[in-house]
């Protein structure tokens, strides 16, 4: 998110759609887990399966285990690949 106290801070006008505490990222049990922290513009992941892919909007405050190479979009303006 944009808050200075975050471990990863996105600063600047390009990140205006990212909430101050947008996304929580954790590594546990050998896997990366992400949680949308009730952000105002939401978080989406690109889920692959069945020969295609689709964007899925995360439910706020629910942890999702993601696979290597997963694309995550924050607020429609920032794309991250894990």
PDB file of N, CA and C in Angstrom:
ATOM      1  N   UNK A   1       0.813  -1.188   0.000  1.00  0.00           N
ATOM      2  CA  UNK A   1       0.000   0.000   0.000  1.00  0.00           C
ATOM      3  C   UNK A   1       0.860   1.256   0.000  1.00  0.00           C
ATOM      4  N   UNK A   2       0.194   2.385   0.159  1.00  0.00           N
ATOM      5  CA  UNK A   2       0.874   3.678   0.094  1.00  0.00           C
ATOM      6  C   UNK A   2       1.380   4.186   1.435  1.00  0.00           C
ATOM      7  N   UNK A   3       0.981   3.563   2.543  1.00  0.00           N
ATOM      8  CA  UNK A   3       1.397   4.053   3.861  1.00  0.00           C
ATOM      9  C   UNK A   3       2.903   3.889   4.057  1.00  0.00           C
ATOM     10  N   UNK A   4       3.537   4.926   4.582  1.00  0.00           N
ATOM     11  CA  UNK A   4       4.988   4.911   4.785  1.00  0.00           C
ATOM     12  C   UNK A   4       5.436   3.824   5.752  1.00  0.00           C
ATOM     13  N   UNK A   5       4.559   3.426   6.672  1.00  0.00           N
ATOM     14  CA  UNK A   5       4.942   2.415   7.659  1.00  0.00           C
ATOM     15  C   UNK A   5       4.860   0.978   7.126  1.00  0.00           C
ATOM     16  N   UNK A   6       4.382   0.789   5.911  1.00  0.00           N
ATOM     17  CA  UNK A   6       4.352  -0.556   5.310  1.00  0.00           C
ATOM     18  C   UNK A   6       5.769  -1.045   5.022  1.00  0.00           C
ATOM     19  N   UNK A   7       5.953  -2.355   4.993  1.00  0.00           N
ATOM     20  CA  UNK A   7       7.261  -2.906   4.621  1.00  0.00           C
ATOM     21  C   UNK A   7       7.574  -2.619   3.162  1.00  0.00           C
ATOM     22  N   UNK A   8       6.551  -2.594   2.319  1.00  0.00           N
ATOM     23  CA  UNK A   8       6.696  -2.179   0.916  1.00  0.00           C
ATOM     24  C   UNK A   8       5.735  -1.016   0.713  1.00  0.00           C
ATOM     25  N   UNK A   9       6.281   0.129   0.342  1.00  0.00           N
ATOM     26  CA  UNK A   9       5.485   1.348   0.182  1.00  0.00           C
ATOM     27  C   UNK A   9       5.507   1.783  -1.278  1.00  0.00           C
ATOM     28  N   UNK A  10       4.319   1.947  -1.865  1.00  0.00           N
ATOM     29  CA  UNK A  10       4.190   2.452  -3.227  1.00  0.00           C
ATOM     30  C   UNK A  10       3.881   3.936  -3.130  1.00  0.00           C
ATOM     31  N   UNK A  11       4.831   4.768  -3.518  1.00  0.00           N
ATOM     32  CA  UNK A  11       4.686   6.216  -3.388  1.00  0.00           C
ATOM     33  C   UNK A  11       4.599   6.866  -4.756  1.00  0.00           C
ATOM     34  N   UNK A  12       3.841   7.945  -4.832  1.00  0.00           N
ATOM     35  CA  UNK A  12       3.747   8.715  -6.070  1.00  0.00           C
ATOM     36  C   UNK A  12       2.333   8.745  -6.616  1.00  0.00           C
ATOM     37  N   UNK A  13       2.101   9.674  -7.540  1.00  0.00           N
ATOM     38  CA  UNK A  13       0.779   9.871  -8.118  1.00  0.00           C
ATOM     39  C   UNK A  13       0.287   8.662  -8.918  1.00  0.00           C
ATOM     40  N   UNK A  14       1.208   7.860  -9.450  1.00  0.00           N
ATOM     41  CA  UNK A  14       0.821   6.699 -10.251  1.00  0.00           C
ATOM     42  C   UNK A  14       0.094   5.640  -9.429  1.00  0.00           C
ATOM     43  N   UNK A  15       0.159   5.731  -8.122  1.00  0.00           N
ATOM     44  CA  UNK A  15      -0.419   4.710  -7.254  1.00  0.00           C
ATOM     45  C   UNK A  15      -1.650   5.213  -6.490  1.00  0.00           C
ATOM     46  N   UNK A  16      -2.337   6.207  -7.030  1.00  0.00           N
ATOM     47  CA  UNK A  16      -3.472   6.803  -6.325  1.00  0.00           C
ATOM     48  C   UNK A  16      -4.632   5.828  -6.117  1.00  0.00           C
ATOM     49  N   UNK A  17      -4.730   4.778  -6.906  1.00  0.00           N
ATOM     50  CA  UNK A  17      -5.801   3.789  -6.746  1.00  0.00           C
ATOM     51  C   UNK A  17      -5.425   2.659  -5.788  1.00  0.00           C
ATOM     52  N   UNK A  18      -4.227   2.723  -5.235  1.00  0.00           N
ATOM     53  CA  UNK A  18      -3.785   1.730  -4.254  1.00  0.00           C
ATOM     54  C   UNK A  18      -4.075   2.280  -2.864  1.00  0.00           C
ATOM     55  N   UNK A  19      -4.747   1.486  -2.038  1.00  0.00           N
ATOM     56  CA  UNK A  19      -5.078   1.921  -0.676  1.00  0.00           C
ATOM     57  C   UNK A  19      -3.819   2.017   0.182  1.00  0.00           C
ATOM     58  N   UNK A  20      -3.928   2.712   1.296  1.00  0.00           N
ATOM     59  CA  UNK A  20      -2.773   2.878   2.186  1.00  0.00           C
ATOM     60  C   UNK A  20      -2.269   1.531   2.698  1.00  0.00           C
ATOM     61  N   UNK A  21      -3.158   0.646   3.055  1.00  0.00           N
ATOM     62  CA  UNK A  21      -2.790  -0.722   3.432  1.00  0.00           C
ATOM     63  C   UNK A  21      -3.597  -1.664   2.541  1.00  0.00           C
ATOM     64  N   UNK A  22      -3.159  -1.851   1.331  1.00  0.00           N
ATOM     65  CA  UNK A  22      -3.919  -2.534   0.286  1.00  0.00           C
ATOM     66  C   UNK A  22      -3.839  -4.054   0.378  1.00  0.00           C
ATOM     67  N   UNK A  23      -2.639  -4.582   0.487  1.00  0.00           N
ATOM     68  CA  UNK A  23      -2.430  -6.021   0.361  1.00  0.00           C
ATOM     69  C   UNK A  23      -1.441  -6.517   1.400  1.00  0.00           C
ATOM     70  N   UNK A  24      -1.756  -7.644   1.995  1.00  0.00           N
ATOM     71  CA  UNK A  24      -0.839  -8.311   2.921  1.00  0.00           C
ATOM     72  C   UNK A  24      -0.252  -9.516   2.186  1.00  0.00           C
ATOM     73  N   UNK A  25       1.069  -9.663   2.244  1.00  0.00           N
ATOM     74  CA  UNK A  25       1.756 -10.784   1.608  1.00  0.00           C
ATOM     75  C   UNK A  25       2.505 -11.556   2.686  1.00  0.00           C
ATOM     76  N   UNK A  26       2.284 -12.859   2.727  1.00  0.00           N
ATOM     77  CA  UNK A  26       2.941 -13.711   3.713  1.00  0.00           C
ATOM     78  C   UNK A  26       3.516 -14.944   3.023  1.00  0.00           C
ATOM     79  N   UNK A  27       4.581 -15.457   3.585  1.00  0.00           N
ATOM     80  CA  UNK A  27       5.127 -16.739   3.140  1.00  0.00           C
ATOM     81  C   UNK A  27       5.026 -17.700   4.315  1.00  0.00           C
ATOM     82  N   UNK A  28       4.209 -18.741   4.148  1.00  0.00           N
ATOM     83  CA  UNK A  28       4.067 -19.741   5.208  1.00  0.00           C
ATOM     84  C   UNK A  28       3.727 -21.085   4.590  1.00  0.00           C
ATOM     85  N   UNK A  29       4.180 -22.110   5.259  1.00  0.00           N
ATOM     86  CA  UNK A  29       3.934 -23.487   4.807  1.00  0.00           C
ATOM     87  C   UNK A  29       4.405 -23.694   3.367  1.00  0.00           C
ATOM     88  N   UNK A  30       5.534 -23.037   3.016  1.00  0.00           N
ATOM     89  CA  UNK A  30       6.114 -23.224   1.694  1.00  0.00           C
ATOM     90  C   UNK A  30       5.344 -22.584   0.554  1.00  0.00           C
ATOM     91  N   UNK A  31       4.508 -21.599   0.875  1.00  0.00           N
ATOM     92  CA  UNK A  31       3.655 -20.998  -0.151  1.00  0.00           C
ATOM     93  C   UNK A  31       3.463 -19.508   0.136  1.00  0.00           C
ATOM     94  N   UNK A  32       3.223 -18.720  -0.918  1.00  0.00           N
ATOM     95  CA  UNK A  32       2.909 -17.300  -0.771  1.00  0.00           C
ATOM     96  C   UNK A  32       1.396 -17.152  -0.612  1.00  0.00           C
ATOM     97  N   UNK A  33       0.995 -16.371   0.387  1.00  0.00           N
ATOM     98  CA  UNK A  33      -0.415 -16.091   0.651  1.00  0.00           C
ATOM     99  C   UNK A  33      -0.628 -14.592   0.558  1.00  0.00           C
ATOM    100  N   UNK A  34      -1.718 -14.171  -0.094  1.00  0.00           N
ATOM    101  CA  UNK A  34      -2.043 -12.752  -0.188  1.00  0.00           C
ATOM    102  C   UNK A  34      -3.447 -12.513   0.367  1.00  0.00           C
ATOM    103  N   UNK A  35      -3.627 -11.338   0.963  1.00  0.00           N
ATOM    104  CA  UNK A  35      -4.917 -10.955   1.524  1.00  0.00           C
ATOM    105  C   UNK A  35      -5.192  -9.505   1.162  1.00  0.00           C
ATOM    106  N   UNK A  36      -6.329  -9.232   0.539  1.00  0.00           N
ATOM    107  CA  UNK A  36      -6.756  -7.857   0.308  1.00  0.00           C
ATOM    108  C   UNK A  36      -7.230  -7.307   1.649  1.00  0.00           C
ATOM    109  N   UNK A  37      -6.665  -6.181   2.063  1.00  0.00           N
ATOM    110  CA  UNK A  37      -6.940  -5.611   3.379  1.00  0.00           C
ATOM    111  C   UNK A  37      -8.106  -4.611   3.324  1.00  0.00           C
ATOM    112  N   UNK A  38      -9.219  -5.042   2.731  1.00  0.00           N
ATOM    113  CA  UNK A  38     -10.421  -4.206   2.564  1.00  0.00           C
ATOM    114  C   UNK A  38     -10.102  -2.936   1.790  1.00  0.00           C
ATOM    115  N   UNK A  39      -9.306  -3.076   0.732  1.00  0.00           N
ATOM    116  CA  UNK A  39      -8.933  -1.922  -0.086  1.00  0.00           C
ATOM    117  C   UNK A  39     -10.162  -1.363  -0.798  1.00  0.00           C
ATOM    118  N   UNK A  40     -10.132  -0.075  -1.106  1.00  0.00           N
ATOM    119  CA  UNK A  40     -11.286   0.562  -1.742  1.00  0.00           C
ATOM    120  C   UNK A  40     -11.429   0.199  -3.217  1.00  0.00           C
ATOM    121  N   UNK A  41     -10.334  -0.074  -3.915  1.00  0.00           N
ATOM    122  CA  UNK A  41     -10.391  -0.376  -5.351  1.00  0.00           C
ATOM    123  C   UNK A  41     -10.206  -1.859  -5.665  1.00  0.00           C
ATOM    124  N   UNK A  42      -9.949  -2.677  -4.651  1.00  0.00           N
ATOM    125  CA  UNK A  42      -9.887  -4.120  -4.834  1.00  0.00           C
ATOM    126  C   UNK A  42      -8.571  -4.661  -5.347  1.00  0.00           C
ATOM    127  N   UNK A  43      -8.479  -5.992  -5.305  1.00  0.00           N
ATOM    128  CA  UNK A  43      -7.314  -6.740  -5.773  1.00  0.00           C
ATOM    129  C   UNK A  43      -7.814  -7.882  -6.633  1.00  0.00           C
ATOM    130  N   UNK A  44      -7.158  -8.093  -7.762  1.00  0.00           N
ATOM    131  CA  UNK A  44      -7.523  -9.186  -8.653  1.00  0.00           C
ATOM    132  C   UNK A  44      -6.311 -10.055  -8.916  1.00  0.00           C
ATOM    133  N   UNK A  45      -6.560 -11.353  -9.116  1.00  0.00           N
ATOM    134  CA  UNK A  45      -5.499 -12.273  -9.507  1.00  0.00           C
ATOM    135  C   UNK A  45      -5.879 -12.919 -10.824  1.00  0.00           C
ATOM    136  N   UNK A  46      -4.862 -13.267 -11.602  1.00  0.00           N
ATOM    137  CA  UNK A  46      -5.060 -13.957 -12.865  1.00  0.00           C
ATOM    138  C   UNK A  46      -4.939 -15.445 -12.590  1.00  0.00           C
ATOM    139  N   UNK A  47      -6.062 -16.138 -12.660  1.00  0.00           N
ATOM    140  CA  UNK A  47      -6.121 -17.557 -12.350  1.00  0.00           C
ATOM    141  C   UNK A  47      -6.114 -18.358 -13.651  1.00  0.00           C
ATOM    142  N   UNK A  48      -5.143 -19.263 -13.771  1.00  0.00           N
ATOM    143  CA  UNK A  48      -5.046 -20.115 -14.956  1.00  0.00           C
ATOM    144  C   UNK A  48      -5.671 -21.468 -14.672  1.00  0.00           C
ATOM    145  N   UNK A  49      -6.222 -22.054 -15.698  1.00  0.00           N
ATOM    146  CA  UNK A  49      -6.796 -23.390 -15.544  1.00  0.00           C
ATOM    147  C   UNK A  49      -7.644 -23.744 -16.748  1.00  0.00           C
ATOM    148  N   UNK A  50      -7.662 -25.004 -17.093  1.00  0.00           N
ATOM    149  CA  UNK A  50      -8.482 -25.458 -18.204  1.00  0.00           C
ATOM    150  C   UNK A  50      -8.087 -24.875 -19.547  1.00  0.00           C
ATOM    151  N   UNK A  51      -6.805 -24.543 -19.698  1.00  0.00           N
ATOM    152  CA  UNK A  51      -6.331 -24.019 -20.976  1.00  0.00           C
ATOM    153  C   UNK A  51      -6.507 -22.529 -21.149  1.00  0.00           C
ATOM    154  N   UNK A  52      -7.032 -21.839 -20.144  1.00  0.00           N
ATOM    155  CA  UNK A  52      -7.223 -20.394 -20.246  1.00  0.00           C
ATOM    156  C   UNK A  52      -6.901 -19.717 -18.934  1.00  0.00           C
ATOM    157  N   UNK A  53      -7.254 -18.450 -18.858  1.00  0.00           N
ATOM    158  CA  UNK A  53      -7.050 -17.721 -17.612  1.00  0.00           C
ATOM    159  C   UNK A  53      -8.180 -16.714 -17.447  1.00  0.00           C
ATOM    160  N   UNK A  54      -8.419 -16.316 -16.210  1.00  0.00           N
ATOM    161  CA  UNK A  54      -9.474 -15.360 -15.907  1.00  0.00           C
ATOM    162  C   UNK A  54      -9.074 -14.528 -14.703  1.00  0.00           C
ATOM    163  N   UNK A  55      -9.531 -13.284 -14.686  1.00  0.00           N
ATOM    164  CA  UNK A  55      -9.299 -12.422 -13.537  1.00  0.00           C
ATOM    165  C   UNK A  55     -10.329 -12.742 -12.463  1.00  0.00           C
ATOM    166  N   UNK A  56      -9.858 -12.886 -11.240  1.00  0.00           N
ATOM    167  CA  UNK A  56     -10.722 -13.146 -10.099  1.00  0.00           C
ATOM    168  C   UNK A  56     -10.499 -12.055  -9.074  1.00  0.00           C
ATOM    169  N   UNK A  57     -11.577 -11.438  -8.612  1.00  0.00           N
ATOM    170  CA  UNK A  57     -11.488 -10.416  -7.579  1.00  0.00           C
ATOM    171  C   UNK A  57     -11.451 -11.089  -6.213  1.00  0.00           C
ATOM    172  N   UNK A  58     -10.475 -10.712  -5.410  1.00  0.00           N
ATOM    173  CA  UNK A  58     -10.334 -11.304  -4.086  1.00  0.00           C
ATOM    174  C   UNK A  58     -11.411 -10.796  -3.137  1.00  0.00           C
ATOM    175  N   UNK A  59     -11.856 -11.667  -2.249  1.00  0.00           N
ATOM    176  CA  UNK A  59     -12.752 -11.283  -1.172  1.00  0.00           C
ATOM    177  C   UNK A  59     -11.884 -10.659  -0.083  1.00  0.00           C
ATOM    178  N   UNK A  60     -12.293  -9.494   0.391  1.00  0.00           N
ATOM    179  CA  UNK A  60     -11.510  -8.779   1.406  1.00  0.00           C
ATOM    180  C   UNK A  60     -11.320  -9.620   2.654  1.00  0.00           C
ATOM    181  N   UNK A  61     -10.128  -9.519   3.213  1.00  0.00           N
ATOM    182  CA  UNK A  61      -9.748 -10.162   4.480  1.00  0.00           C
ATOM    183  C   UNK A  61      -9.716 -11.684   4.418  1.00  0.00           C
ATOM    184  N   UNK A  62      -9.682 -12.256   3.228  1.00  0.00           N
ATOM    185  CA  UNK A  62      -9.556 -13.710   3.061  1.00  0.00           C
ATOM    186  C   UNK A  62      -8.195 -13.997   2.428  1.00  0.00           C
ATOM    187  N   UNK A  63      -7.427 -14.904   3.023  1.00  0.00           N
ATOM    188  CA  UNK A  63      -6.100 -15.252   2.503  1.00  0.00           C
ATOM    189  C   UNK A  63      -6.230 -16.219   1.329  1.00  0.00           C
ATOM    190  N   UNK A  64      -5.450 -15.975   0.286  1.00  0.00           N
ATOM    191  CA  UNK A  64      -5.418 -16.820  -0.904  1.00  0.00           C
ATOM    192  C   UNK A  64      -3.995 -17.318  -1.114  1.00  0.00           C
ATOM    193  N   UNK A  65      -3.823 -18.617  -1.239  1.00  0.00           N
ATOM    194  CA  UNK A  65      -2.533 -19.180  -1.598  1.00  0.00           C
ATOM    195  C   UNK A  65      -2.356 -19.049  -3.096  1.00  0.00           C
ATOM    196  N   UNK A  66      -1.221 -18.491  -3.507  1.00  0.00           N
ATOM    197  CA  UNK A  66      -1.001 -18.289  -4.943  1.00  0.00           C
ATOM    198  C   UNK A  66       0.221 -19.074  -5.410  1.00  0.00           C
ATOM    199  N   UNK A  67       0.214 -19.404  -6.681  1.00  0.00           N
ATOM    200  CA  UNK A  67       1.297 -20.165  -7.287  1.00  0.00           C
ATOM    201  C   UNK A  67       2.353 -19.224  -7.866  1.00  0.00           C
ATOM    202  N   UNK A  68       3.542 -19.750  -8.045  1.00  0.00           N
ATOM    203  CA  UNK A  68       4.613 -18.989  -8.685  1.00  0.00           C
ATOM    204  C   UNK A  68       4.148 -18.540 -10.068  1.00  0.00           C
ATOM    205  N   UNK A  69       4.423 -17.295 -10.399  1.00  0.00           N
ATOM    206  CA  UNK A  69       4.036 -16.747 -11.692  1.00  0.00           C
ATOM    207  C   UNK A  69       2.665 -16.097 -11.695  1.00  0.00           C
ATOM    208  N   UNK A  70       1.973 -16.143 -10.561  1.00  0.00           N
ATOM    209  CA  UNK A  70       0.638 -15.545 -10.453  1.00  0.00           C
ATOM    210  C   UNK A  70       0.735 -14.027 -10.618  1.00  0.00           C
ATOM    211  N   UNK A  71      -0.150 -13.459 -11.436  1.00  0.00           N
ATOM    212  CA  UNK A  71      -0.228 -12.016 -11.621  1.00  0.00           C
ATOM    213  C   UNK A  71      -1.281 -11.444 -10.687  1.00  0.00           C
ATOM    214  N   UNK A  72      -0.920 -10.372  -9.984  1.00  0.00           N
ATOM    215  CA  UNK A  72      -1.811  -9.733  -9.023  1.00  0.00           C
ATOM    216  C   UNK A  72      -1.949  -8.264  -9.417  1.00  0.00           C
ATOM    217  N   UNK A  73      -3.203  -7.768  -9.472  1.00  0.00           N
ATOM    218  CA  UNK A  73      -3.446  -6.380  -9.825  1.00  0.00           C
ATOM    219  C   UNK A  73      -4.020  -5.654  -8.615  1.00  0.00           C
ATOM    220  N   UNK A  74      -3.422  -4.510  -8.292  1.00  0.00           N
ATOM    221  CA  UNK A  74      -3.861  -3.686  -7.166  1.00  0.00           C
ATOM    222  C   UNK A  74      -4.598  -2.463  -7.685  1.00  0.00           C
ATOM    223  N   UNK A  75      -5.876  -2.375  -7.387  1.00  0.00           N
ATOM    224  CA  UNK A  75      -6.648  -1.180  -7.713  1.00  0.00           C
ATOM    225  C   UNK A  75      -6.726  -0.824  -9.171  1.00  0.00           C
ATOM    226  N   UNK A  76      -6.441  -1.761 -10.051  1.00  0.00           N
ATOM    227  CA  UNK A  76      -6.503  -1.499 -11.485  1.00  0.00           C
ATOM    228  C   UNK A  76      -5.332  -0.700 -12.026  1.00  0.00           C
ATOM    229  N   UNK A  77      -4.296  -0.466 -11.181  1.00  0.00           N
ATOM    230  CA  UNK A  77      -3.194   0.374 -11.674  1.00  0.00           C
ATOM    231  C   UNK A  77      -1.798  -0.220 -11.448  1.00  0.00           C
ATOM    232  N   UNK A  78      -1.670  -1.251 -10.628  1.00  0.00           N
ATOM    233  CA  UNK A  78      -0.368  -1.836 -10.355  1.00  0.00           C
ATOM    234  C   UNK A  78      -0.435  -3.340 -10.564  1.00  0.00           C
ATOM    235  N   UNK A  79       0.465  -3.875 -11.384  1.00  0.00           N
ATOM    236  CA  UNK A  79       0.535  -5.309 -11.629  1.00  0.00           C
ATOM    237  C   UNK A  79       1.804  -5.859 -10.991  1.00  0.00           C
ATOM    238  N   UNK A  80       1.631  -6.933 -10.214  1.00  0.00           N
ATOM    239  CA  UNK A  80       2.751  -7.622  -9.574  1.00  0.00           C
ATOM    240  C   UNK A  80       2.751  -9.068 -10.037  1.00  0.00           C
ATOM    241  N   UNK A  81       3.928  -9.650 -10.194  1.00  0.00           N
ATOM    242  CA  UNK A  81       4.040 -11.071 -10.518  1.00  0.00           C
ATOM    243  C   UNK A  81       4.854 -11.733  -9.420  1.00  0.00           C
ATOM    244  N   UNK A  82       4.305 -12.801  -8.862  1.00  0.00           N
ATOM    245  CA  UNK A  82       4.975 -13.519  -7.768  1.00  0.00           C
ATOM    246  C   UNK A  82       5.651 -14.767  -8.291  1.00  0.00           C
TER     247      UNK A  82
END
